[in-house]
Amino acid sequence: MQVARQATAEQNWSAAAQAWADVLRQQPRSLEAWLGSGLALYQTQRFEQALQAYQRALAVDPRSEAARQGWWTVLARVDPPQASLALQSWLEEHASDAAAWRALGQAQARLRRWADASQAWERALALDAQRADVWANLGVALDHLKRHAQAASAYEQALRWPMPEASRRQIEQRLAALRRALSDPQGEDTP
């Protein structure tokens, strides 16, 4: 299990997927191994297998928040309409579940329902504002809705939190373009 943990910590996702599979052959009821496997498979874009790993994790422990979050994240990727329905139903009784709101935003964005996505991400941020990824996603949704000043504000918030350097550069570039367009009195509203 140590090899799998190390590969995961190093974000060596292919090695982690193999190492977690090795662990699961010996410990098929290990929640940690199913969660690790789900994450590694997701990161290597083996989405159907990742979904199955999270389903197995939920079979081991139906109360596992990490398994539920992983399952929703993958489901939002592979079947956004089903994810939207399942998440909306869940949120009727669990409105304080920030992870569910984040996943609903992802599902709505994949369906190009930008207004619904932005509402879901705003709800997630009301519950947990320290998420660069959610602020950035909200910025993208607001950009699509042509609410550029609000998008710029969301991107600024995203930059306040830790994130991968490549993501930071993308957000900084988009924010600079928005600021130029918004400060140009002769420019169009669409940057």
Protein backbone atom coordinates (compact mmCIF):
# COMPACT_ATOMS: atom_id res chain seq x y z
CA MET A 1 0.00 0.00 0.00
CA GLN A 2 2.96 2.30 0.64
CA VAL A 3 3.93 2.21 -3.05
CA ALA A 4 0.41 3.24 -4.04
CA ARG A 5 0.35 6.05 -1.50
CA GLN A 6 3.74 7.30 -2.67
CA ALA A 7 2.76 7.26 -6.36
CA THR A 8 -0.42 9.14 -5.49
CA ALA A 9 1.46 11.71 -3.42
CA GLU A 10 3.86 12.23 -6.33
CA GLN A 11 0.91 12.46 -8.76
CA ASN A 12 2.40 9.68 -10.86
CA TRP A 13 -1.09 8.62 -11.86
CA SER A 14 -0.27 5.68 -14.13
CA ALA A 15 1.94 4.11 -11.48
CA ALA A 16 -0.66 4.90 -8.83
CA ALA A 17 -3.43 3.21 -10.82
CA GLN A 18 -1.33 0.06 -11.15
CA ALA A 19 -0.23 0.13 -7.50
CA TRP A 20 -3.80 0.57 -6.22
CA ALA A 21 -4.92 -2.32 -8.48
CA ASP A 22 -2.19 -4.46 -6.86
CA VAL A 23 -3.41 -3.48 -3.40
CA LEU A 24 -7.01 -4.31 -4.32
CA ARG A 25 -6.05 -7.83 -5.40
CA GLN A 26 -4.88 -8.39 -1.80
CA GLN A 27 -7.43 -6.18 0.00
CA PRO A 28 -10.65 -6.00 -2.05
CA ARG A 29 -12.58 -4.37 0.83
CA SER A 30 -10.11 -1.53 1.40
CA LEU A 31 -11.90 1.81 1.20
CA GLU A 32 -8.58 3.65 0.89
CA ALA A 33 -7.56 1.48 -2.05
CA TRP A 34 -10.86 1.98 -3.90
CA LEU A 35 -10.63 5.74 -3.34
CA GLY A 36 -7.01 5.83 -4.47
CA SER A 37 -7.83 3.73 -7.49
CA GLY A 38 -10.76 5.98 -8.40
CA LEU A 39 -8.60 9.10 -8.21
CA ALA A 40 -5.74 7.59 -10.21
CA LEU A 41 -8.10 6.26 -12.89
CA TYR A 42 -9.82 9.63 -13.12
CA GLN A 43 -6.50 11.42 -13.48
CA THR A 44 -5.51 9.04 -16.30
CA GLN A 45 -8.87 9.72 -17.99
CA ARG A 46 -10.19 6.20 -17.54
CA PHE A 47 -13.52 7.60 -16.46
CA GLU A 48 -15.72 4.50 -16.66
CA GLN A 49 -13.23 2.54 -14.56
CA ALA A 50 -12.98 5.44 -12.10
CA LEU A 51 -16.76 5.49 -11.76
CA GLN A 52 -16.72 1.76 -11.01
CA ALA A 53 -13.98 2.24 -8.40
CA TYR A 54 -16.00 4.90 -6.60
CA GLN A 55 -19.09 2.68 -6.76
CA ARG A 56 -17.07 -0.11 -5.15
CA ALA A 57 -15.86 2.35 -2.48
CA LEU A 58 -19.49 3.24 -1.75
CA ALA A 59 -20.31 -0.47 -1.48
CA VAL A 60 -17.57 -0.79 1.16
CA ASP A 61 -18.77 2.30 3.04
CA PRO A 62 -22.04 3.90 1.88
CA ARG A 63 -21.38 6.87 4.23
CA SER A 64 -17.99 7.74 2.72
CA GLU A 65 -18.07 11.40 1.75
CA ALA A 66 -14.88 11.01 -0.30
CA ALA A 67 -16.41 8.14 -2.29
CA ARG A 68 -19.60 10.11 -2.90
CA GLN A 69 -17.63 13.19 -4.01
CA GLY A 70 -15.48 11.12 -6.34
CA TRP A 71 -18.48 9.35 -7.82
CA TRP A 72 -20.26 12.65 -8.48
CA THR A 73 -17.19 14.23 -10.03
CA VAL A 74 -16.74 11.33 -12.44
CA LEU A 75 -20.46 11.02 -13.17
CA ALA A 76 -20.61 14.74 -14.00
CA ARG A 77 -17.90 14.03 -16.55
CA VAL A 78 -19.33 10.87 -18.15
CA ASP A 79 -23.09 11.45 -17.85
CA PRO A 80 -23.92 15.09 -17.05
CA PRO A 81 -27.72 14.71 -17.37
CA GLN A 82 -27.81 11.78 -14.93
CA ALA A 83 -25.41 13.58 -12.60
CA SER A 84 -27.57 16.71 -12.65
CA LEU A 85 -30.69 14.75 -11.72
CA ALA A 86 -28.96 12.75 -8.99
CA LEU A 87 -27.30 15.83 -7.51
CA GLN A 88 -30.45 17.95 -7.55
CA SER A 89 -32.29 15.18 -5.75
CA TRP A 90 -29.48 14.83 -3.18
CA LEU A 91 -29.29 18.59 -2.62
CA GLU A 92 -32.99 18.81 -1.81
CA GLU A 93 -32.16 17.14 1.49
CA HIS A 94 -28.45 18.04 1.81
CA ALA A 95 -28.28 21.72 0.82
CA SER A 96 -25.14 22.28 2.89
CA ASP A 97 -23.05 19.79 0.86
CA ALA A 98 -20.49 22.02 -0.88
CA ALA A 99 -19.00 19.09 -2.82
CA ALA A 100 -22.40 18.27 -4.29
CA TRP A 101 -22.87 21.89 -5.39
CA ARG A 102 -19.42 21.82 -7.01
CA ALA A 103 -20.25 18.63 -8.88
CA LEU A 104 -23.62 20.03 -9.97
CA GLY A 105 -21.83 23.07 -11.36
CA GLN A 106 -19.53 20.76 -13.34
CA ALA A 107 -22.45 18.77 -14.72
CA GLN A 108 -24.33 21.91 -15.72
CA ALA A 109 -21.22 23.36 -17.37
CA ARG A 110 -20.72 20.19 -19.40
CA LEU A 111 -24.30 20.68 -20.58
CA ARG A 112 -23.45 24.33 -21.37
CA ARG A 113 -26.08 25.55 -18.91
CA TRP A 114 -23.92 28.43 -17.78
CA ALA A 115 -26.51 30.22 -15.63
CA ASP A 116 -27.29 27.01 -13.74
CA ALA A 117 -23.58 26.22 -13.41
CA SER A 118 -22.82 29.66 -12.00
CA GLN A 119 -25.67 29.35 -9.48
CA ALA A 120 -24.38 25.97 -8.32
CA TRP A 121 -20.82 27.27 -7.94
CA GLU A 122 -22.06 30.34 -6.06
CA ARG A 123 -23.85 28.01 -3.62
CA ALA A 124 -20.66 25.94 -3.26
CA LEU A 125 -18.62 29.07 -2.57
CA ALA A 126 -21.11 30.27 0.02
CA LEU A 127 -20.30 27.05 1.89
CA ASP A 128 -16.55 26.91 1.17
CA ALA A 129 -15.00 30.06 -0.32
CA GLN A 130 -11.40 28.83 -0.24
CA ARG A 131 -11.52 26.90 -3.52
CA ALA A 132 -9.50 28.33 -6.41
CA ASP A 133 -10.99 25.78 -8.81
CA VAL A 134 -14.56 26.82 -8.02
CA TRP A 135 -13.77 30.54 -8.30
CA ALA A 136 -12.10 29.87 -11.66
CA ASN A 137 -15.04 27.79 -12.87
CA LEU A 138 -17.42 30.54 -11.80
CA GLY A 139 -15.32 33.00 -13.78
CA VAL A 140 -15.61 30.83 -16.88
CA ALA A 141 -19.39 30.53 -16.49
CA LEU A 142 -19.77 34.29 -16.01
CA ASP A 143 -17.54 34.85 -19.05
CA HIS A 144 -19.90 32.68 -21.12
CA LEU A 145 -22.83 34.68 -19.78
CA LYS A 146 -21.04 37.88 -20.90
CA ARG A 147 -20.95 39.15 -17.33
CA HIS A 148 -17.34 40.17 -17.76
CA ALA A 149 -16.88 42.43 -14.73
CA GLN A 150 -18.20 39.66 -12.48
CA ALA A 151 -16.02 37.13 -14.29
CA ALA A 152 -12.96 39.30 -13.62
CA SER A 153 -13.89 39.45 -9.94
CA ALA A 154 -14.24 35.66 -9.78
CA TYR A 155 -10.85 35.19 -11.47
CA GLU A 156 -9.29 37.62 -8.95
CA GLN A 157 -10.72 35.53 -6.12
CA ALA A 158 -9.35 32.36 -7.70
CA LEU A 159 -5.86 33.82 -7.73
CA ARG A 160 -5.98 34.30 -3.95
CA TRP A 161 -5.78 30.52 -3.40
CA PRO A 162 -3.18 27.85 -4.21
CA MET A 163 -3.45 26.22 -7.64
CA PRO A 164 -1.26 24.57 -10.27
CA GLU A 165 1.03 27.07 -11.98
CA ALA A 166 -0.37 26.32 -15.45
CA SER A 167 -3.89 27.13 -14.25
CA ARG A 168 -2.63 30.31 -12.58
CA ARG A 169 -1.05 31.49 -15.86
CA GLN A 170 -4.27 30.82 -17.81
CA ILE A 171 -6.36 32.74 -15.31
CA GLU A 172 -3.89 35.63 -15.21
CA GLN A 173 -3.95 35.87 -19.03
CA ARG A 174 -7.74 35.83 -19.19
CA LEU A 175 -8.00 38.34 -16.35
CA ALA A 176 -5.55 40.70 -18.11
CA ALA A 177 -7.62 40.52 -21.31
CA LEU A 178 -10.80 41.24 -19.39
CA ARG A 179 -9.23 44.18 -17.55
CA ARG A 180 -7.99 45.70 -20.83
CA ALA A 181 -11.40 45.35 -22.44
CA LEU A 182 -13.27 46.64 -19.40
CA SER A 183 -11.00 49.69 -19.04
CA ASP A 184 -11.28 50.70 -22.70
CA PRO A 185 -14.19 53.17 -22.91
CA GLN A 186 -14.26 52.81 -26.71
CA GLY A 187 -14.05 49.02 -26.63
CA GLU A 188 -16.84 46.55 -26.94
CA ASP A 189 -18.40 44.88 -23.96
CA THR A 190 -17.24 41.53 -25.31
CA PRO A 191 -13.51 41.08 -24.59
